[in-house]
Protein backbone atom coordinates (compact mmCIF):
# COMPACT_ATOMS: atom_id res chain seq x y z
CA MET A 1 7.44 -21.78 -15.18
CA PRO A 2 10.47 -20.18 -16.85
CA ASP A 3 11.48 -16.71 -15.68
CA ASP A 4 11.11 -14.42 -18.69
CA ARG A 5 12.25 -11.27 -16.92
CA THR A 6 15.32 -9.46 -18.19
CA ALA A 7 18.48 -9.38 -16.07
CA ARG A 8 17.73 -5.73 -15.33
CA ALA A 9 14.23 -6.58 -14.05
CA ILE A 10 15.56 -9.46 -11.93
CA ILE A 11 18.16 -7.15 -10.33
CA ARG A 12 15.49 -4.51 -9.67
CA ASP A 13 13.09 -7.04 -8.14
CA GLU A 14 15.73 -8.58 -5.90
CA ALA A 15 16.82 -5.12 -4.79
CA LEU A 16 13.19 -4.31 -3.99
CA ARG A 17 12.91 -7.42 -1.84
CA LEU A 18 16.17 -6.78 0.00
CA PHE A 19 15.43 -3.08 0.48
CA ALA A 20 11.99 -3.94 1.87
CA ASP A 21 13.42 -6.52 4.28
CA HIS A 22 16.48 -4.66 5.52
CA GLY A 23 16.32 -1.05 4.36
CA PRO A 24 18.37 0.33 1.43
CA ASP A 25 21.23 1.55 3.61
CA ALA A 26 21.86 -1.94 5.01
CA VAL A 27 22.03 -3.66 1.62
CA THR A 28 25.15 -3.78 -0.55
CA VAL A 29 25.54 -4.05 -4.31
CA ARG A 30 27.26 -7.39 -3.76
CA GLN A 31 24.27 -8.74 -1.83
CA ILE A 32 21.89 -7.60 -4.55
CA ALA A 33 24.06 -9.19 -7.22
CA GLY A 34 24.20 -12.45 -5.29
CA ALA A 35 20.42 -12.55 -4.88
CA ALA A 36 19.95 -11.83 -8.58
CA GLY A 37 22.57 -14.37 -9.66
CA VAL A 38 24.69 -11.80 -11.50
CA SER A 39 28.00 -10.05 -10.94
CA PRO A 40 28.27 -6.75 -9.05
CA GLY A 41 29.69 -5.29 -12.26
CA LEU A 42 26.45 -6.03 -14.10
CA VAL A 43 24.45 -4.21 -11.42
CA VAL A 44 26.67 -1.16 -11.88
CA HIS A 45 26.46 -1.52 -15.65
CA HIS A 46 22.66 -1.35 -15.61
CA PHE A 47 22.11 1.20 -12.84
CA GLY A 48 25.37 3.10 -12.37
CA SER A 49 25.34 2.78 -8.58
CA LYS A 50 23.20 1.57 -5.70
CA ASP A 51 21.59 5.01 -5.57
CA GLY A 52 20.65 4.65 -9.22
CA LEU A 53 19.17 1.23 -8.53
CA ARG A 54 17.26 2.58 -5.55
CA GLU A 55 15.79 5.34 -7.73
CA GLU A 56 14.69 2.74 -10.26
CA VAL A 57 13.07 0.65 -7.52
CA ASP A 58 11.26 3.73 -6.21
CA GLN A 59 9.91 4.59 -9.65
CA HIS A 60 8.92 0.97 -10.29
CA VAL A 61 6.92 0.82 -7.06
CA LEU A 62 5.28 4.18 -7.74
CA GLY A 63 4.42 2.92 -11.22
CA LEU A 64 2.80 -0.21 -9.78
CA PHE A 65 0.86 1.96 -7.37
CA ASP A 66 -0.31 4.25 -10.17
CA ALA A 67 -1.50 1.24 -12.18
CA MET A 68 -3.46 -0.10 -9.20
CA LEU A 69 -4.83 3.38 -8.49
CA GLY A 70 -5.95 3.72 -12.09
CA GLU A 71 -8.00 0.53 -11.84
CA LEU A 72 -9.49 1.60 -8.52
CA THR A 73 -10.55 5.06 -9.72
CA ALA A 74 -11.88 3.66 -13.00
CA GLY A 75 -14.51 1.63 -11.17
CA SER A 76 -17.78 2.73 -9.67
CA THR A 77 -18.05 4.35 -6.25
CA PRO A 78 -17.73 1.60 -3.63
CA ASP A 79 -20.56 0.90 -1.24
CA PRO A 80 -19.30 2.35 2.08
CA PHE A 81 -21.43 -0.13 4.04
CA ASP A 82 -20.09 -3.25 2.32
CA PRO A 83 -17.11 -4.60 4.36
CA ALA A 84 -15.99 -6.68 1.40
CA ALA A 85 -15.83 -3.76 -1.02
CA SER A 86 -14.73 -0.62 0.79
CA GLY A 87 -12.31 0.37 -1.98
CA SER A 88 -9.43 0.95 0.42
CA LEU A 89 -5.71 1.14 -0.24
CA VAL A 90 -5.21 -2.15 1.58
CA GLU A 91 -7.87 -3.92 -0.49
CA MET A 92 -6.28 -2.52 -3.63
CA ILE A 93 -2.86 -3.90 -2.66
CA VAL A 94 -4.20 -7.31 -1.66
CA ALA A 95 -6.26 -7.61 -4.85
CA HIS A 96 -3.37 -6.79 -7.19
CA LEU A 97 -0.30 -8.28 -5.54
CA PRO A 98 0.61 -11.86 -4.54
CA PRO A 99 0.64 -12.61 -0.79
CA ASP A 100 4.44 -12.81 -0.70
CA SER A 101 4.99 -9.51 -2.54
CA ALA A 102 7.64 -7.22 -1.08
CA VAL A 103 5.82 -4.13 -2.36
CA PRO A 104 3.68 -3.46 0.79
CA ALA A 105 6.77 -3.53 3.00
CA TYR A 106 8.61 -1.27 0.56
CA LEU A 107 5.66 1.15 0.45
CA ARG A 108 5.89 1.30 4.24
CA ARG A 109 9.58 2.15 4.05
CA LEU A 110 8.92 4.82 1.42
CA LEU A 111 6.29 6.48 3.59
CA LEU A 112 8.43 6.45 6.71
CA ALA A 113 11.76 7.41 5.12
CA GLY A 114 10.72 10.95 4.28
CA GLY A 115 12.46 11.09 0.89
CA GLY A 116 11.10 12.49 -2.34
CA ALA A 117 9.45 9.24 -3.44
CA GLY A 118 7.77 8.85 -0.05
CA ARG A 119 6.42 12.40 -0.13
CA GLU A 120 5.09 11.89 -3.65
CA LEU A 121 3.43 8.63 -2.61
CA PHE A 122 1.80 10.33 0.37
CA ARG A 123 0.49 13.14 -1.83
CA ARG A 124 -0.99 10.64 -4.26
CA LEU A 125 -2.65 8.79 -1.39
CA PHE A 126 -4.10 12.04 -0.09
CA ARG A 127 -5.49 12.91 -3.52
CA LEU A 128 -7.05 9.43 -3.67
CA SER A 129 -8.64 9.87 -0.25
CA ALA A 130 -9.93 13.36 -1.08
CA GLY A 131 -11.38 12.13 -4.36
CA ALA A 132 -13.06 9.16 -2.68
CA LEU A 133 -14.62 11.46 -0.07
CA GLU A 134 -15.87 13.79 -2.79
CA ALA A 135 -17.47 10.86 -4.61
CA LEU A 136 -19.19 9.65 -1.45
CA VAL A 137 -20.45 13.15 -0.69
CA ALA A 138 -21.80 13.50 -4.24
CA ALA A 139 -23.57 10.14 -3.89
CA GLY A 140 -25.15 11.20 -0.61
CA MET A 141 -23.21 8.56 1.33
CA ALA A 142 -21.06 10.90 3.42
CA ALA A 143 -20.89 14.48 4.68
CA PRO A 144 -17.88 16.64 3.83
CA GLY A 145 -17.49 17.88 7.41
CA GLN A 146 -16.37 21.36 8.40
CA ASP A 147 -12.92 20.72 6.94
CA PRO A 148 -13.02 18.22 4.04
CA GLU A 149 -9.22 18.17 3.73
CA VAL A 150 -8.81 17.10 7.35
CA ARG A 151 -11.62 14.56 7.00
CA ALA A 152 -9.91 13.07 3.95
CA ALA A 153 -6.61 12.97 5.85
CA VAL A 154 -8.26 11.18 8.80
CA LEU A 155 -9.76 8.55 6.50
CA MET A 156 -6.41 8.10 4.76
CA SER A 157 -4.55 7.81 8.06
CA ASN A 158 -6.85 5.03 9.23
CA ASP A 159 -6.23 3.14 6.01
CA LEU A 160 -2.48 3.64 6.20
CA ALA A 161 -2.42 2.34 9.78
CA VAL A 162 -3.12 -1.15 8.43
CA LEU A 163 -0.13 -0.94 6.09
CA LEU A 164 2.28 0.71 8.51
CA LEU A 165 1.35 -1.35 11.58
CA ARG A 166 0.56 -4.63 9.83
CA GLU A 167 2.79 -6.90 11.92
CA HIS A 168 1.76 -5.33 15.23
CA LEU A 169 -1.93 -5.52 14.35
CA ALA A 170 -1.58 -9.16 13.31
CA ASP A 171 0.11 -9.90 16.64
CA VAL A 172 -2.61 -8.40 18.83
CA LEU A 173 -5.59 -9.41 16.67
CA GLY A 174 -4.42 -12.89 15.73
CA THR A 175 -5.31 -12.16 12.09
CA ASP A 176 -3.25 -10.57 9.36
CA PRO A 177 -5.25 -7.40 8.58
CA MET A 178 -4.10 -7.64 4.94
CA SER A 179 -5.54 -11.13 4.50
CA GLY A 180 -9.06 -11.64 3.14
CA ALA A 181 -10.48 -12.51 6.54
CA GLY A 182 -8.54 -9.72 8.20
CA MET A 183 -9.83 -7.10 5.78
CA VAL A 184 -13.45 -8.13 6.31
CA ARG A 185 -12.97 -8.08 10.08
CA TRP A 186 -11.29 -4.65 10.03
CA ALA A 187 -13.71 -3.08 7.53
CA ARG A 188 -16.79 -4.26 9.43
CA GLU A 189 -15.81 -2.37 12.56
CA MET A 190 -14.35 0.62 10.72
CA LEU A 191 -17.46 1.17 8.61
CA THR A 192 -19.76 0.75 11.61
CA ILE A 193 -17.82 3.41 13.51
CA TYR A 194 -17.82 5.73 10.50
CA SER A 195 -21.53 5.31 9.82
CA SER A 196 -23.00 5.10 13.33
CA GLY A 197 -20.35 5.94 15.91
CA LEU A 198 -18.65 4.01 18.69
CA LEU A 199 -21.92 3.09 20.40
CA ALA A 200 -23.21 1.08 17.44
CA ASN A 201 -22.86 -2.66 16.86
CA PRO A 202 -21.87 -3.92 13.40
CA PRO A 203 -24.50 -5.66 11.23
CA GLY A 204 -25.33 -9.01 12.78
CA GLY A 205 -24.72 -7.78 16.31
CA PRO A 206 -21.68 -8.21 18.59
CA ARG A 207 -19.46 -11.23 18.06
């Protein structure tokens, strides 16, 4: 299939991939240009500098996230006891991005880097978690707790653990937690703990 992206989009996408793999500080304009099949001068022409390109990549990723978030919040309240439809951040990413997408790794870098884009992403995730908790409370599927903000943050932190610790979790579990099978396996235990506590077995009994 022919690549119908503009040169600017190709440069941005290759920068995203390289930044996700190595970190922005370790990547040069020349490396980005080589990956995109253009000259370093064209990179500078489009973005002014590597910092300008990094800003464009940040905004592109946040835009993708907002589009995915819009689809998630436009749907009905997910069934909190259905492991295949928990409406989580990880499910949202897996459903909307190809398996080889560099976006999850870049989201991880954004969250851990502590810059403006990472802080904005974290705030958006917190608003998503708080809104989801409110919807579950309104539907009679959850209690708000003594401190709903902290409860929303706890739920969000559990979800983010899959994204931030993906490789380590895959290593110890033998399953990529962001694969279809991995999500079902993770959600089954998570939802059982949330609904019934650590002493409960998931539906179907212990494996």
